[in-house]
C-alpha atoms as a PDB file:
ATOM      1  CA  MET A   1     -18.215  34.046  54.554  1.00  0.00           C
ATOM      2  CA  GLU A   2     -20.701  31.232  54.057  1.00  0.00           C
ATOM      3  CA  LYS A   3     -23.562  33.396  52.061  1.00  0.00           C
ATOM      4  CA  SER A   4     -20.495  34.721  49.590  1.00  0.00           C
ATOM      5  CA  THR A   5     -19.316  30.705  49.748  1.00  0.00           C
ATOM      6  CA  PHE A   6     -22.870  30.312  48.391  1.00  0.00           C
ATOM      7  CA  ILE A   7     -23.434  32.890  45.912  1.00  0.00           C
ATOM      8  CA  LEU A   8     -20.005  31.566  44.551  1.00  0.00           C
ATOM      9  CA  LEU A   9     -21.018  28.412  44.228  1.00  0.00           C
ATOM     10  CA  PHE A  10     -24.163  29.187  42.701  1.00  0.00           C
ATOM     11  CA  PHE A  11     -22.632  31.200  39.612  1.00  0.00           C
ATOM     12  CA  ILE A  12     -20.296  28.693  39.195  1.00  0.00           C
ATOM     13  CA  VAL A  13     -23.206  25.656  38.753  1.00  0.00           C
ATOM     14  CA  VAL A  14     -25.395  28.440  36.938  1.00  0.00           C
ATOM     15  CA  ILE A  15     -22.937  30.113  34.494  1.00  0.00           C
ATOM     16  CA  GLY A  16     -19.907  28.551  34.430  1.00  0.00           C
ATOM     17  CA  LEU A  17     -21.214  24.590  34.412  1.00  0.00           C
ATOM     18  CA  PRO A  18     -23.283  25.182  31.358  1.00  0.00           C
ATOM     19  CA  THR A  19     -20.826  27.723  29.733  1.00  0.00           C
ATOM     20  CA  LEU A  20     -18.740  25.021  30.003  1.00  0.00           C
ATOM     21  CA  LEU A  21     -20.747  22.031  28.681  1.00  0.00           C
ATOM     22  CA  GLY A  22     -21.769  24.202  25.748  1.00  0.00           C
ATOM     23  CA  VAL A  23     -17.728  25.389  24.633  1.00  0.00           C
ATOM     24  CA  GLY A  24     -17.262  21.368  25.152  1.00  0.00           C
ATOM     25  CA  GLY A  25     -19.669  19.996  23.137  1.00  0.00           C
ATOM     26  CA  ASP A  26     -18.862  22.278  20.278  1.00  0.00           C
ATOM     27  CA  MET A  27     -15.526  20.903  20.227  1.00  0.00           C
ATOM     28  CA  PHE A  28     -16.253  17.390  20.657  1.00  0.00           C
ATOM     29  CA  LYS A  29     -18.816  18.336  17.630  1.00  0.00           C
ATOM     30  CA  ARG A  30     -15.711  19.802  15.481  1.00  0.00           C
ATOM     31  CA  TRP A  31     -13.471  16.796  16.686  1.00  0.00           C
ATOM     32  CA  LEU A  32     -16.514  14.280  15.260  1.00  0.00           C
ATOM     33  CA  LYS A  33     -16.576  15.936  11.822  1.00  0.00           C
ATOM     34  CA  HIS A  34     -12.586  15.835  11.917  1.00  0.00           C
ATOM     35  CA  LYS A  35     -12.447  12.554  12.266  1.00  0.00           C
ATOM     36  CA  GLU A  36     -15.310  11.847   9.658  1.00  0.00           C
ATOM     37  CA  ARG A  37     -13.266  14.075   6.985  1.00  0.00           C
ATOM     38  CA  MET A  38     -10.359  11.710   7.909  1.00  0.00           C
ATOM     39  CA  ALA A  39     -12.217   8.557   7.715  1.00  0.00           C
ATOM     40  CA  GLU A  40     -13.905   9.691   3.945  1.00  0.00           C
ATOM     41  CA  ALA A  41     -10.021  10.706   2.762  1.00  0.00           C
ATOM     42  CA  LEU A  42      -8.919   7.269   4.033  1.00  0.00           C
ATOM     43  CA  ASN A  43     -11.573   5.502   2.406  1.00  0.00           C
ATOM     44  CA  ALA A  44     -11.189   7.405  -0.839  1.00  0.00           C
ATOM     45  CA  GLN A  45      -7.231   6.402  -0.572  1.00  0.00           C
ATOM     46  CA  THR A  46      -8.472   2.629  -0.051  1.00  0.00           C
ATOM     47  CA  ALA A  47     -10.902   2.283  -3.378  1.00  0.00           C
ATOM     48  CA  GLU A  48      -8.345   3.981  -5.344  1.00  0.00           C
ATOM     49  CA  LYS A  49      -5.236   1.190  -4.471  1.00  0.00           C
ATOM     50  CA  ALA A  50      -7.953  -1.198  -4.824  1.00  0.00           C
ATOM     51  CA  ALA A  51      -8.499  -0.188  -8.829  1.00  0.00           C
ATOM     52  CA  GLN A  52      -4.931  -0.078  -8.967  1.00  0.00           C
ATOM     53  CA  TYR A  53      -4.089  -3.138  -7.652  1.00  0.00           C
ATOM     54  CA  ALA A  54      -7.839  -4.759 -10.430  1.00  0.00           C
ATOM     55  CA  ALA A  55      -6.043  -2.773 -13.056  1.00  0.00           C
ATOM     56  CA  HIS A  56      -2.390  -4.537 -12.110  1.00  0.00           C
ATOM     57  CA  THR A  57      -3.957  -7.886 -11.790  1.00  0.00           C
ATOM     58  CA  GLU A  58      -5.430  -7.566 -15.096  1.00  0.00           C
ATOM     59  CA  ARG A  59      -2.446  -6.791 -16.687  1.00  0.00           C
ATOM     60  CA  LEU A  60      -1.039  -9.815 -15.446  1.00  0.00           C
ATOM     61  CA  GLU A  61      -3.426 -12.065 -16.064  1.00  0.00           C
ATOM     62  CA  GLN A  62      -3.228 -11.211 -20.075  1.00  0.00           C
ATOM     63  CA  ARG A  63       0.397 -12.007 -19.928  1.00  0.00           C
ATOM     64  CA  VAL A  64       0.240 -15.050 -18.365  1.00  0.00           C
ATOM     65  CA  ARG A  65      -2.132 -16.221 -20.888  1.00  0.00           C
ATOM     66  CA  VAL A  66       0.242 -14.955 -23.872  1.00  0.00           C
ATOM     67  CA  LEU A  67       2.780 -16.806 -22.137  1.00  0.00           C
ATOM     68  CA  GLU A  68       0.784 -19.802 -21.406  1.00  0.00           C
ATOM     69  CA  ARG A  69      -0.407 -19.591 -25.153  1.00  0.00           C
ATOM     70  CA  ILE A  70       3.472 -18.953 -26.399  1.00  0.00           C
ATOM     71  CA  ALA A  71       3.986 -21.990 -24.589  1.00  0.00           C
ATOM     72  CA  THR A  72       2.022 -24.470 -25.523  1.00  0.00           C
ATOM     73  CA  ASP A  73       2.075 -23.619 -29.229  1.00  0.00           C
ATOM     74  CA  ARG A  74       4.539 -25.544 -31.216  1.00  0.00           C
ATOM     75  CA  GLY A  75       6.809 -24.705 -34.523  1.00  0.00           C
ATOM     76  CA  VAL A  76       6.375 -21.474 -36.636  1.00  0.00           C
ATOM     77  CA  ALA A  77       3.934 -20.231 -34.482  1.00  0.00           C
ATOM     78  CA  LEU A  78       6.217 -20.089 -31.507  1.00  0.00           C
ATOM     79  CA  ALA A  79       8.912 -17.985 -33.446  1.00  0.00           C
ATOM     80  CA  ASP A  80       6.189 -15.993 -35.033  1.00  0.00           C
ATOM     81  CA  GLU A  81       4.986 -15.103 -31.576  1.00  0.00           C
ATOM     82  CA  ILE A  82       8.549 -14.687 -29.823  1.00  0.00           C
ATOM     83  CA  GLU A  83       9.082 -11.918 -32.880  1.00  0.00           C
ATOM     84  CA  THR A  84       6.269 -10.336 -32.365  1.00  0.00           C
ATOM     85  CA  LEU A  85       6.723  -9.559 -28.401  1.00  0.00           C
ATOM     86  CA  ARG A  86      10.065  -8.625 -29.463  1.00  0.00           C
ATOM     87  CA  ASP A  87       8.480  -5.894 -31.773  1.00  0.00           C
ATOM     88  CA  LEU A  88       6.523  -4.343 -29.460  1.00  0.00           C
ATOM     89  CA  PRO A  89       7.908  -1.049 -27.293  1.00  0.00           C
ATOM     90  CA  ALA A  90       9.046  -2.153 -23.703  1.00  0.00           C
ATOM     91  CA  PRO A  91       5.819  -1.619 -21.256  1.00  0.00           C
ATOM     92  CA  HIS A  92       6.380   1.815 -19.217  1.00  0.00           C
ATOM     93  CA  ARG A  93       7.134   1.022 -15.727  1.00  0.00           C
ATOM     94  CA  GLU A  94       4.216   2.108 -13.095  1.00  0.00           C
ATOM     95  CA  ARG A  95       5.255   3.333  -9.826  1.00  0.00           C
ATOM     96  CA  PRO A  96       4.635   0.721  -7.064  1.00  0.00           C
ATOM     97  CA  LEU A  97       1.626   0.141  -5.485  1.00  0.00           C
ATOM     98  CA  ASN A  98       2.000   0.359  -1.367  1.00  0.00           C
END
């Protein structure tokens, strides 16, 4: 009985343990690669949103400049600016930035 227990323990250590470690190591590598891909996708989304925010901020700054100029102009120039703005097509609505 003692000899069969020793042989079983020997096979577990020599065959079973390296097999489990090999499979476990491969699973860990796959999981790590998946996490890296997920991080890359998240970075791409973040960069895209940052670009959208920058473009949106630029458009808002341009509109504020126009409004500041209109508010500081006097007389006929103010009326002309208002009429010019009325003639412009309405800006298209963008999807909200989340």
